[in-house]
Amino acid sequence: MSTYLSSEAKAHLLHAQVLLDEHPVSSSDGLCQSCGTDGPCQLRRTALRVFGRYGRLPRRWPGKTRPELIRLRRVV
């Protein structure tokens, strides 16, 4: 099933993706890597709500949360 998205909706999703990319939560200590606040910061939660509103999933980047800091083996 495909859903039509207006250019305004696409712009909202693009801006939300940029916010998610700028505010990853570290795997080692659970802090936002940009803000330094505990858990997902307010900007990240807002961006995730945008994706929920449109029924879309955000793009994910492998290694963005730096799992090697909690002594996990990196799978190649």
Protein backbone atom coordinates (compact mmCIF):
# COMPACT_ATOMS: atom_id res chain seq x y z
CA MET A 1 0.00 0.00 0.00
CA SER A 2 1.43 3.36 -0.96
CA THR A 3 0.41 6.71 0.38
CA TYR A 4 0.72 10.01 -1.42
CA LEU A 5 2.82 12.56 0.44
CA SER A 6 2.62 16.25 -0.41
CA SER A 7 5.77 18.29 -0.83
CA GLU A 8 5.09 19.88 2.57
CA ALA A 9 4.88 16.46 4.25
CA LYS A 10 8.12 15.41 2.53
CA ALA A 11 9.78 18.60 3.79
CA HIS A 12 8.63 17.83 7.35
CA LEU A 13 10.04 14.31 7.09
CA LEU A 14 13.33 15.57 5.67
CA HIS A 15 13.72 18.09 8.50
CA ALA A 16 12.85 15.41 11.06
CA GLN A 17 15.48 13.10 9.53
CA VAL A 18 18.10 15.83 9.84
CA LEU A 19 17.21 16.27 13.53
CA LEU A 20 17.46 12.52 14.13
CA ASP A 21 20.85 12.40 12.41
CA GLU A 22 22.13 15.29 14.53
CA HIS A 23 20.86 13.90 17.86
CA PRO A 24 21.76 10.19 18.18
CA VAL A 25 21.60 8.59 21.62
CA SER A 26 24.85 6.92 22.64
CA SER A 27 24.70 3.19 23.37
CA SER A 28 27.30 3.45 26.09
CA ASP A 29 25.79 6.06 28.41
CA GLY A 30 22.31 6.80 27.01
CA LEU A 31 23.02 10.48 26.46
CA CYS A 32 22.22 12.54 23.38
CA GLN A 33 25.54 13.00 21.58
CA SER A 34 24.69 16.61 20.62
CA CYS A 35 22.85 17.97 23.66
CA GLY A 36 24.35 15.80 26.37
CA THR A 37 20.93 15.33 27.96
CA ASP A 38 19.74 12.03 29.38
CA GLY A 39 17.93 9.68 27.01
CA PRO A 40 16.44 10.93 23.81
CA CYS A 41 16.41 14.73 23.92
CA GLN A 42 13.29 16.77 23.22
CA LEU A 43 14.35 17.49 19.62
CA ARG A 44 14.77 13.78 18.90
CA ARG A 45 11.38 12.94 20.44
CA THR A 46 9.73 15.66 18.35
CA ALA A 47 11.35 14.32 15.19
CA LEU A 48 10.20 10.79 15.99
CA ARG A 49 6.64 12.05 16.43
CA VAL A 50 6.75 13.49 12.91
CA PHE A 51 7.62 10.07 11.51
CA GLY A 52 4.85 8.51 13.58
CA ARG A 53 2.34 11.05 12.32
CA TYR A 54 3.07 10.14 8.70
CA GLY A 55 3.41 6.40 9.34
CA ARG A 56 7.00 6.29 8.09
CA LEU A 57 10.24 4.93 9.48
CA PRO A 58 13.38 7.06 9.73
CA ARG A 59 16.58 6.16 7.92
CA ARG A 60 19.13 4.52 10.20
CA TRP A 61 22.90 4.71 9.98
CA PRO A 62 24.90 1.70 11.21
CA GLY A 63 27.30 2.62 14.01
CA LYS A 64 25.79 6.06 14.65
CA THR A 65 25.16 5.23 18.33
CA ARG A 66 28.79 4.06 18.73
CA PRO A 67 28.16 0.54 20.08
CA GLU A 68 31.91 -0.13 20.28
CA LEU A 69 31.98 2.01 23.40
CA ILE A 70 30.12 -0.70 25.34
CA ARG A 71 32.58 -3.38 24.25
CA LEU A 72 30.40 -4.96 21.61
CA ARG A 73 32.11 -6.79 18.80
CA ARG A 74 31.56 -5.17 15.46
CA VAL A 75 30.08 -7.57 12.91
CA VAL A 76 31.46 -7.07 9.40
